[in-house]
Amino acid sequence: MNRGLISSLRKSLRAAADSTKALGMQAYMKSAMPYLGVPTPLFRKTIGPLLAAHLLATFEEWRDTILALWRTARYREERYAAIELAGYRRYHEFRTLRALPMYEEMITSGAWWDYVDSIATRQLGDILRQDGDAMSAILRQWAVSDNLWKRRSAILAQLHFKRETDLDLLYDCIRPSLGANEFFLRKGIGWALRQYARTDAKEVIRYVRVHEAQLSPLSKREALRHVGPYSSKAR
């Protein structure tokens, strides 16, 4: 664990804090954990140089630093910093199946969309690209988990894959949640389909038609947001 990096991140974030913004940010996110009040542009400007200056030599140092920062965080920005460190470009080679237990802990203990989506839509995708067969099997398991955030993560893991999207995997991860009442699953399904529609709108329209009775109105609306009018009677 790199205590110097953790200390520097915390000191810098506190120096950038704005108490007049903190309560509004906390209310917007419905967060029990307080905010320092560091807006996103300033947050990134603050921590970027520190991540570049404190390079971590081994997987174990990287993982342990992330988890220490995550587990002992007093403010939400500190957990955001842990996520940024986990996704930092210099550690791409560390984002393999070895890192999955760390990400699983962050997803299940964070249990809210701002944390989960940052991890699922980028960092789980890195693991999938490096360990495709094994990670695909794990995502299919997550898709039937009792934990809705693991389900959402499985649905969103290929969000930025474009033409590299494995449609069988995407649909397998969506299928167990098609009839779910949970907003974040319905929204996640719609988001994943909407993003893929940028690559293949006809395929998403076809999928929505086939599964119209199972998809929620929210999921259908999100899926077709950028592909024009849709009618179930259209050929």
C-alpha atoms as a PDB file:
ATOM      1  CA  MET A   1       0.000   0.000   0.000  1.00  0.00           C
ATOM      2  CA  ASN A   2       1.240   3.481  -0.850  1.00  0.00           C
ATOM      3  CA  ARG A   3       0.367   5.618   2.164  1.00  0.00           C
ATOM      4  CA  GLY A   4       1.994   8.661   0.597  1.00  0.00           C
ATOM      5  CA  LEU A   5      -0.416   8.635  -2.333  1.00  0.00           C
ATOM      6  CA  ILE A   6      -3.417   8.185  -0.065  1.00  0.00           C
ATOM      7  CA  SER A   7      -2.301  11.048   2.161  1.00  0.00           C
ATOM      8  CA  SER A   8      -1.614  13.334  -0.808  1.00  0.00           C
ATOM      9  CA  LEU A   9      -5.001  12.610  -2.363  1.00  0.00           C
ATOM     10  CA  ARG A  10      -6.832  13.338   0.864  1.00  0.00           C
ATOM     11  CA  LYS A  11      -4.942  16.541   1.578  1.00  0.00           C
ATOM     12  CA  SER A  12      -5.421  17.836  -1.949  1.00  0.00           C
ATOM     13  CA  LEU A  13      -9.122  17.030  -2.014  1.00  0.00           C
ATOM     14  CA  ARG A  14      -9.648  18.759   1.307  1.00  0.00           C
ATOM     15  CA  ALA A  15      -7.764  21.796   0.041  1.00  0.00           C
ATOM     16  CA  ALA A  16     -10.111  21.919  -2.959  1.00  0.00           C
ATOM     17  CA  ALA A  17     -13.256  21.457  -0.855  1.00  0.00           C
ATOM     18  CA  ASP A  18     -16.151  23.889  -1.095  1.00  0.00           C
ATOM     19  CA  SER A  19     -18.609  23.513   1.761  1.00  0.00           C
ATOM     20  CA  THR A  20     -21.204  25.599  -0.090  1.00  0.00           C
ATOM     21  CA  LYS A  21     -21.408  22.872  -2.752  1.00  0.00           C
ATOM     22  CA  ALA A  22     -21.068  19.822  -0.502  1.00  0.00           C
ATOM     23  CA  LEU A  23     -24.624  19.601   0.834  1.00  0.00           C
ATOM     24  CA  GLY A  24     -26.172  20.036  -2.604  1.00  0.00           C
ATOM     25  CA  MET A  25     -23.958  17.302  -4.056  1.00  0.00           C
ATOM     26  CA  GLN A  26     -24.837  14.981  -1.206  1.00  0.00           C
ATOM     27  CA  ALA A  27     -28.553  15.642  -1.621  1.00  0.00           C
ATOM     28  CA  TYR A  28     -28.439  15.090  -5.381  1.00  0.00           C
ATOM     29  CA  MET A  29     -26.708  11.735  -4.965  1.00  0.00           C
ATOM     30  CA  LYS A  30     -28.905  10.746  -1.997  1.00  0.00           C
ATOM     31  CA  SER A  31     -25.686   9.842  -0.230  1.00  0.00           C
ATOM     32  CA  ALA A  32     -25.274   8.922   3.418  1.00  0.00           C
ATOM     33  CA  MET A  33     -21.554   9.618   3.051  1.00  0.00           C
ATOM     34  CA  PRO A  34     -20.824  13.366   2.988  1.00  0.00           C
ATOM     35  CA  TYR A  35     -19.123  15.235   0.172  1.00  0.00           C
ATOM     36  CA  LEU A  36     -16.236  17.649   0.361  1.00  0.00           C
ATOM     37  CA  GLY A  37     -17.820  19.685  -2.411  1.00  0.00           C
ATOM     38  CA  VAL A  38     -15.262  19.218  -5.206  1.00  0.00           C
ATOM     39  CA  PRO A  39     -16.931  19.479  -8.644  1.00  0.00           C
ATOM     40  CA  THR A  40     -15.874  16.950 -11.281  1.00  0.00           C
ATOM     41  CA  PRO A  41     -13.597  19.215 -13.392  1.00  0.00           C
ATOM     42  CA  LEU A  42     -11.714  20.400 -10.302  1.00  0.00           C
ATOM     43  CA  PHE A  43     -11.639  16.864  -8.895  1.00  0.00           C
ATOM     44  CA  ARG A  44      -9.886  15.547 -12.005  1.00  0.00           C
ATOM     45  CA  LYS A  45      -7.533  18.514 -12.142  1.00  0.00           C
ATOM     46  CA  THR A  46      -6.668  17.900  -8.486  1.00  0.00           C
ATOM     47  CA  ILE A  47      -5.993  14.184  -8.525  1.00  0.00           C
ATOM     48  CA  GLY A  48      -4.538  13.753 -12.031  1.00  0.00           C
ATOM     49  CA  PRO A  49      -1.051  15.060 -11.222  1.00  0.00           C
ATOM     50  CA  LEU A  50      -0.956  13.003  -8.018  1.00  0.00           C
ATOM     51  CA  LEU A  51      -1.747   9.748  -9.818  1.00  0.00           C
ATOM     52  CA  ALA A  52       0.985  10.550 -12.335  1.00  0.00           C
ATOM     53  CA  ALA A  53       3.518  11.419  -9.622  1.00  0.00           C
ATOM     54  CA  HIS A  54       2.944   8.374  -7.401  1.00  0.00           C
ATOM     55  CA  LEU A  55       3.291   5.414  -9.742  1.00  0.00           C
ATOM     56  CA  LEU A  56       2.719   2.028  -8.135  1.00  0.00           C
ATOM     57  CA  ALA A  57       5.152  -0.732  -9.029  1.00  0.00           C
ATOM     58  CA  THR A  58       3.203  -3.932  -8.442  1.00  0.00           C
ATOM     59  CA  PHE A  59      -0.312  -5.261  -8.716  1.00  0.00           C
ATOM     60  CA  GLU A  60      -0.428  -5.828  -4.980  1.00  0.00           C
ATOM     61  CA  GLU A  61       0.568  -2.228  -4.188  1.00  0.00           C
ATOM     62  CA  TRP A  62      -2.034  -0.909  -6.642  1.00  0.00           C
ATOM     63  CA  ARG A  63      -4.821  -3.125  -5.308  1.00  0.00           C
ATOM     64  CA  ASP A  64      -4.024  -2.550  -1.637  1.00  0.00           C
ATOM     65  CA  THR A  65      -3.811   1.231  -2.103  1.00  0.00           C
ATOM     66  CA  ILE A  66      -7.191   1.300  -3.832  1.00  0.00           C
ATOM     67  CA  LEU A  67      -8.865  -0.819  -1.186  1.00  0.00           C
ATOM     68  CA  ALA A  68      -7.352   1.140   1.705  1.00  0.00           C
ATOM     69  CA  LEU A  69      -8.561   4.411   0.199  1.00  0.00           C
ATOM     70  CA  TRP A  70     -11.986   2.915  -0.511  1.00  0.00           C
ATOM     71  CA  ARG A  71     -12.534   1.237   2.851  1.00  0.00           C
ATOM     72  CA  THR A  72     -11.406   4.152   5.007  1.00  0.00           C
ATOM     73  CA  ALA A  73     -13.019   6.948   2.981  1.00  0.00           C
ATOM     74  CA  ARG A  74     -14.877   9.598   4.969  1.00  0.00           C
ATOM     75  CA  TYR A  75     -15.992  11.591   1.935  1.00  0.00           C
ATOM     76  CA  ARG A  76     -17.444  10.454  -1.350  1.00  0.00           C
ATOM     77  CA  GLU A  77     -14.706  12.140  -3.367  1.00  0.00           C
ATOM     78  CA  GLU A  78     -12.189   9.822  -1.695  1.00  0.00           C
ATOM     79  CA  ARG A  79     -14.038   6.848  -3.129  1.00  0.00           C
ATOM     80  CA  TYR A  80     -14.157   8.553  -6.492  1.00  0.00           C
ATOM     81  CA  ALA A  81     -10.370   8.864  -6.226  1.00  0.00           C
ATOM     82  CA  ALA A  82     -10.110   5.135  -5.539  1.00  0.00           C
ATOM     83  CA  ILE A  83     -12.128   4.446  -8.702  1.00  0.00           C
ATOM     84  CA  GLU A  84      -9.918   6.801 -10.719  1.00  0.00           C
ATOM     85  CA  LEU A  85      -6.818   5.020  -9.443  1.00  0.00           C
ATOM     86  CA  ALA A  86      -8.376   1.666 -10.302  1.00  0.00           C
ATOM     87  CA  GLY A  87      -8.986   2.834 -13.859  1.00  0.00           C
ATOM     88  CA  TYR A  88      -5.798   4.855 -14.371  1.00  0.00           C
ATOM     89  CA  ARG A  89      -4.289   4.218 -17.793  1.00  0.00           C
ATOM     90  CA  ARG A  90      -0.852   3.252 -16.423  1.00  0.00           C
ATOM     91  CA  TYR A  91      -2.354   0.196 -14.713  1.00  0.00           C
ATOM     92  CA  HIS A  92      -4.122  -1.328 -17.685  1.00  0.00           C
ATOM     93  CA  GLU A  93      -2.061  -4.523 -17.351  1.00  0.00           C
ATOM     94  CA  PHE A  94      -3.336  -4.966 -13.785  1.00  0.00           C
ATOM     95  CA  ARG A  95      -6.972  -5.023 -14.845  1.00  0.00           C
ATOM     96  CA  THR A  96      -7.292  -8.781 -15.228  1.00  0.00           C
ATOM     97  CA  LEU A  97      -9.228 -11.451 -13.363  1.00  0.00           C
ATOM     98  CA  ARG A  98      -6.841 -10.965 -10.447  1.00  0.00           C
ATOM     99  CA  ALA A  99      -8.462  -7.572  -9.887  1.00  0.00           C
ATOM    100  CA  LEU A 100     -12.039  -8.831 -10.021  1.00  0.00           C
ATOM    101  CA  PRO A 101     -12.447  -9.505  -6.269  1.00  0.00           C
ATOM    102  CA  MET A 102     -11.463  -5.872  -5.643  1.00  0.00           C
ATOM    103  CA  TYR A 103     -13.989  -4.586  -8.154  1.00  0.00           C
ATOM    104  CA  GLU A 104     -16.662  -6.901  -6.785  1.00  0.00           C
ATOM    105  CA  GLU A 105     -16.119  -5.484  -3.297  1.00  0.00           C
ATOM    106  CA  MET A 106     -16.333  -1.922  -4.584  1.00  0.00           C
ATOM    107  CA  ILE A 107     -19.516  -2.663  -6.538  1.00  0.00           C
ATOM    108  CA  THR A 108     -21.320  -4.468  -3.736  1.00  0.00           C
ATOM    109  CA  SER A 109     -20.240  -2.177  -0.906  1.00  0.00           C
ATOM    110  CA  GLY A 110     -20.663   1.003  -2.956  1.00  0.00           C
ATOM    111  CA  ALA A 111     -24.132  -0.105  -4.076  1.00  0.00           C
ATOM    112  CA  TRP A 112     -25.068   3.047  -5.957  1.00  0.00           C
ATOM    113  CA  TRP A 113     -25.031   4.061  -9.591  1.00  0.00           C
ATOM    114  CA  ASP A 114     -22.254   6.659  -9.509  1.00  0.00           C
ATOM    115  CA  TYR A 115     -19.750   4.141  -8.183  1.00  0.00           C
ATOM    116  CA  VAL A 116     -21.002   1.094 -10.037  1.00  0.00           C
ATOM    117  CA  ASP A 117     -21.350   2.624 -13.490  1.00  0.00           C
ATOM    118  CA  SER A 118     -17.832   4.050 -13.459  1.00  0.00           C
ATOM    119  CA  ILE A 119     -16.441   0.605 -12.723  1.00  0.00           C
ATOM    120  CA  ALA A 120     -18.780  -1.465 -14.879  1.00  0.00           C
ATOM    121  CA  THR A 121     -18.678   0.539 -18.096  1.00  0.00           C
ATOM    122  CA  ARG A 122     -14.906   0.825 -18.330  1.00  0.00           C
ATOM    123  CA  GLN A 123     -12.948  -1.312 -15.922  1.00  0.00           C
ATOM    124  CA  LEU A 124     -14.907  -4.545 -16.130  1.00  0.00           C
ATOM    125  CA  GLY A 125     -14.705  -4.105 -19.887  1.00  0.00           C
ATOM    126  CA  ASP A 126     -10.900  -4.070 -19.640  1.00  0.00           C
ATOM    127  CA  ILE A 127     -11.001  -7.414 -17.850  1.00  0.00           C
ATOM    128  CA  LEU A 128     -13.403  -8.800 -20.445  1.00  0.00           C
ATOM    129  CA  ARG A 129     -11.051  -7.793 -23.245  1.00  0.00           C
ATOM    130  CA  GLN A 130      -8.085  -9.465 -21.577  1.00  0.00           C
ATOM    131  CA  ASP A 131      -9.779 -12.592 -20.194  1.00  0.00           C
ATOM    132  CA  GLY A 132     -12.744 -12.984 -22.518  1.00  0.00           C
ATOM    133  CA  ASP A 133     -13.941 -16.547 -21.944  1.00  0.00           C
ATOM    134  CA  ALA A 134     -13.507 -16.573 -18.187  1.00  0.00           C
ATOM    135  CA  MET A 135     -14.939 -13.099 -17.679  1.00  0.00           C
ATOM    136  CA  SER A 136     -17.909 -13.843 -19.932  1.00  0.00           C
ATOM    137  CA  ALA A 137     -18.772 -16.820 -17.745  1.00  0.00           C
ATOM    138  CA  ILE A 138     -18.507 -14.662 -14.623  1.00  0.00           C
ATOM    139  CA  LEU A 139     -20.716 -11.934 -16.084  1.00  0.00           C
ATOM    140  CA  ARG A 140     -23.356 -14.539 -16.906  1.00  0.00           C
ATOM    141  CA  GLN A 141     -23.243 -15.596 -13.257  1.00  0.00           C
ATOM    142  CA  TRP A 142     -23.503 -11.993 -12.105  1.00  0.00           C
ATOM    143  CA  ALA A 143     -26.526 -11.523 -14.375  1.00  0.00           C
ATOM    144  CA  VAL A 144     -28.538 -13.904 -12.191  1.00  0.00           C
ATOM    145  CA  SER A 145     -27.161 -12.646  -8.878  1.00  0.00           C
ATOM    146  CA  ASP A 146     -29.430 -11.561  -6.032  1.00  0.00           C
ATOM    147  CA  ASN A 147     -27.357  -8.352  -5.957  1.00  0.00           C
ATOM    148  CA  LEU A 148     -28.894  -5.849  -8.377  1.00  0.00           C
ATOM    149  CA  TRP A 149     -25.600  -3.939  -8.751  1.00  0.00           C
ATOM    150  CA  LYS A 150     -23.805  -7.040  -9.973  1.00  0.00           C
ATOM    151  CA  ARG A 151     -26.679  -7.585 -12.403  1.00  0.00           C
ATOM    152  CA  ARG A 152     -26.447  -4.005 -13.632  1.00  0.00           C
ATOM    153  CA  SER A 153     -22.680  -4.336 -13.971  1.00  0.00           C
ATOM    154  CA  ALA A 154     -23.051  -7.440 -16.128  1.00  0.00           C
ATOM    155  CA  ILE A 155     -25.501  -5.618 -18.400  1.00  0.00           C
ATOM    156  CA  LEU A 156     -23.255  -2.559 -18.764  1.00  0.00           C
ATOM    157  CA  ALA A 157     -19.834  -4.217 -19.055  1.00  0.00           C
ATOM    158  CA  GLN A 158     -19.765  -3.953 -22.872  1.00  0.00           C
ATOM    159  CA  LEU A 159     -21.211  -0.440 -23.047  1.00  0.00           C
ATOM    160  CA  HIS A 160     -18.284   0.965 -25.053  1.00  0.00           C
ATOM    161  CA  PHE A 161     -17.453  -2.102 -27.149  1.00  0.00           C
ATOM    162  CA  LYS A 162     -19.280  -0.920 -30.282  1.00  0.00           C
ATOM    163  CA  ARG A 163     -18.653  -3.478 -33.059  1.00  0.00           C
ATOM    164  CA  GLU A 164     -16.691  -5.669 -30.666  1.00  0.00           C
ATOM    165  CA  THR A 165     -19.864  -6.280 -28.645  1.00  0.00           C
ATOM    166  CA  ASP A 166     -20.603  -9.951 -28.032  1.00  0.00           C
ATOM    167  CA  LEU A 167     -24.369  -9.889 -28.590  1.00  0.00           C
ATOM    168  CA  ASP A 168     -24.893 -13.361 -27.165  1.00  0.00           C
ATOM    169  CA  LEU A 169     -23.229 -12.234 -23.949  1.00  0.00           C
ATOM    170  CA  LEU A 170     -25.150  -8.950 -23.867  1.00  0.00           C
ATOM    171  CA  TYR A 171     -28.505 -10.664 -24.362  1.00  0.00           C
ATOM    172  CA  ASP A 172     -27.640 -13.397 -21.860  1.00  0.00           C
ATOM    173  CA  CYS A 173     -26.895 -10.697 -19.276  1.00  0.00           C
ATOM    174  CA  ILE A 174     -30.100  -8.796 -20.051  1.00  0.00           C
ATOM    175  CA  ARG A 175     -32.435 -11.804 -20.132  1.00  0.00           C
ATOM    176  CA  PRO A 176     -32.654 -12.543 -16.373  1.00  0.00           C
ATOM    177  CA  SER A 177     -33.647  -8.918 -15.676  1.00  0.00           C
ATOM    178  CA  LEU A 178     -36.189  -8.415 -18.469  1.00  0.00           C
ATOM    179  CA  GLY A 179     -39.128  -8.654 -16.089  1.00  0.00           C
ATOM    180  CA  ALA A 180     -37.484  -6.929 -13.133  1.00  0.00           C
ATOM    181  CA  ASN A 181     -39.290  -4.095 -11.406  1.00  0.00           C
ATOM    182  CA  GLU A 182     -36.072  -2.478 -10.220  1.00  0.00           C
ATOM    183  CA  PHE A 183     -35.513   0.920 -11.845  1.00  0.00           C
ATOM    184  CA  PHE A 184     -31.742   0.566 -12.113  1.00  0.00           C
ATOM    185  CA  LEU A 185     -32.042  -2.720 -13.998  1.00  0.00           C
ATOM    186  CA  ARG A 186     -34.661  -1.360 -16.379  1.00  0.00           C
ATOM    187  CA  LYS A 187     -32.605   1.752 -16.977  1.00  0.00           C
ATOM    188  CA  GLY A 188     -29.441  -0.283 -17.410  1.00  0.00           C
ATOM    189  CA  ILE A 189     -31.067  -2.500 -20.040  1.00  0.00           C
ATOM    190  CA  GLY A 190     -32.253   0.535 -21.969  1.00  0.00           C
ATOM    191  CA  TRP A 191     -28.859   2.214 -21.732  1.00  0.00           C
ATOM    192  CA  ALA A 192     -26.970  -0.844 -22.973  1.00  0.00           C
ATOM    193  CA  LEU A 193     -29.338  -1.263 -25.927  1.00  0.00           C
ATOM    194  CA  ARG A 194     -29.321   2.450 -26.729  1.00  0.00           C
ATOM    195  CA  GLN A 195     -25.540   2.482 -26.825  1.00  0.00           C
ATOM    196  CA  TYR A 196     -25.405  -0.524 -29.127  1.00  0.00           C
ATOM    197  CA  ALA A 197     -28.029   1.085 -31.370  1.00  0.00           C
ATOM    198  CA  ARG A 198     -25.358   3.639 -32.284  1.00  0.00           C
ATOM    199  CA  THR A 199     -23.535   0.729 -33.915  1.00  0.00           C
ATOM    200  CA  ASP A 200     -26.472  -1.340 -35.227  1.00  0.00           C
ATOM    201  CA  ALA A 201     -29.863   0.334 -34.906  1.00  0.00           C
ATOM    202  CA  LYS A 202     -31.646  -2.363 -36.927  1.00  0.00           C
ATOM    203  CA  GLU A 203     -30.510  -5.060 -34.549  1.00  0.00           C
ATOM    204  CA  VAL A 204     -31.742  -3.144 -31.511  1.00  0.00           C
ATOM    205  CA  ILE A 205     -35.097  -2.485 -33.176  1.00  0.00           C
ATOM    206  CA  ARG A 206     -35.347  -6.197 -33.958  1.00  0.00           C
ATOM    207  CA  TYR A 207     -34.530  -7.119 -30.373  1.00  0.00           C
ATOM    208  CA  VAL A 208     -37.087  -4.692 -28.967  1.00  0.00           C
ATOM    209  CA  ARG A 209     -39.783  -6.054 -31.265  1.00  0.00           C
ATOM    210  CA  VAL A 210     -39.061  -9.649 -30.286  1.00  0.00           C
ATOM    211  CA  HIS A 211     -39.031  -8.845 -26.566  1.00  0.00           C
ATOM    212  CA  GLU A 212     -41.634  -6.101 -26.506  1.00  0.00           C
ATOM    213  CA  ALA A 213     -43.908  -7.929 -24.076  1.00  0.00           C
ATOM    214  CA  GLN A 214     -41.063  -8.422 -21.585  1.00  0.00           C
ATOM    215  CA  LEU A 215     -39.263  -5.100 -21.835  1.00  0.00           C
ATOM    216  CA  SER A 216     -40.476  -2.317 -19.568  1.00  0.00           C
ATOM    217  CA  PRO A 217     -41.637   0.944 -21.151  1.00  0.00           C
ATOM    218  CA  LEU A 218     -38.561   2.603 -19.650  1.00  0.00           C
ATOM    219  CA  SER A 219     -36.200   0.081 -21.240  1.00  0.00           C
ATOM    220  CA  LYS A 220     -37.892   0.392 -24.646  1.00  0.00           C
ATOM    221  CA  ARG A 221     -37.911   4.171 -24.521  1.00  0.00           C
ATOM    222  CA  GLU A 222     -34.218   4.313 -23.639  1.00  0.00           C
ATOM    223  CA  ALA A 223     -33.245   1.649 -26.168  1.00  0.00           C
ATOM    224  CA  LEU A 224     -34.900   3.495 -29.043  1.00  0.00           C
ATOM    225  CA  ARG A 225     -34.117   7.040 -27.970  1.00  0.00           C
ATOM    226  CA  HIS A 226     -31.840   7.758 -30.943  1.00  0.00           C
ATOM    227  CA  VAL A 227     -33.299   5.521 -33.645  1.00  0.00           C
ATOM    228  CA  GLY A 228     -36.507   7.386 -34.509  1.00  0.00           C
ATOM    229  CA  PRO A 229     -40.156   6.399 -34.209  1.00  0.00           C
ATOM    230  CA  TYR A 230     -40.954   2.784 -33.485  1.00  0.00           C
ATOM    231  CA  SER A 231     -44.119   0.782 -33.863  1.00  0.00           C
ATOM    232  CA  SER A 232     -44.570  -2.853 -32.913  1.00  0.00           C
ATOM    233  CA  LYS A 233     -46.676  -3.175 -36.059  1.00  0.00           C
ATOM    234  CA  ALA A 234     -43.921  -1.893 -38.315  1.00  0.00           C
ATOM    235  CA  ARG A 235     -42.319  -4.414 -40.625  1.00  0.00           C
END
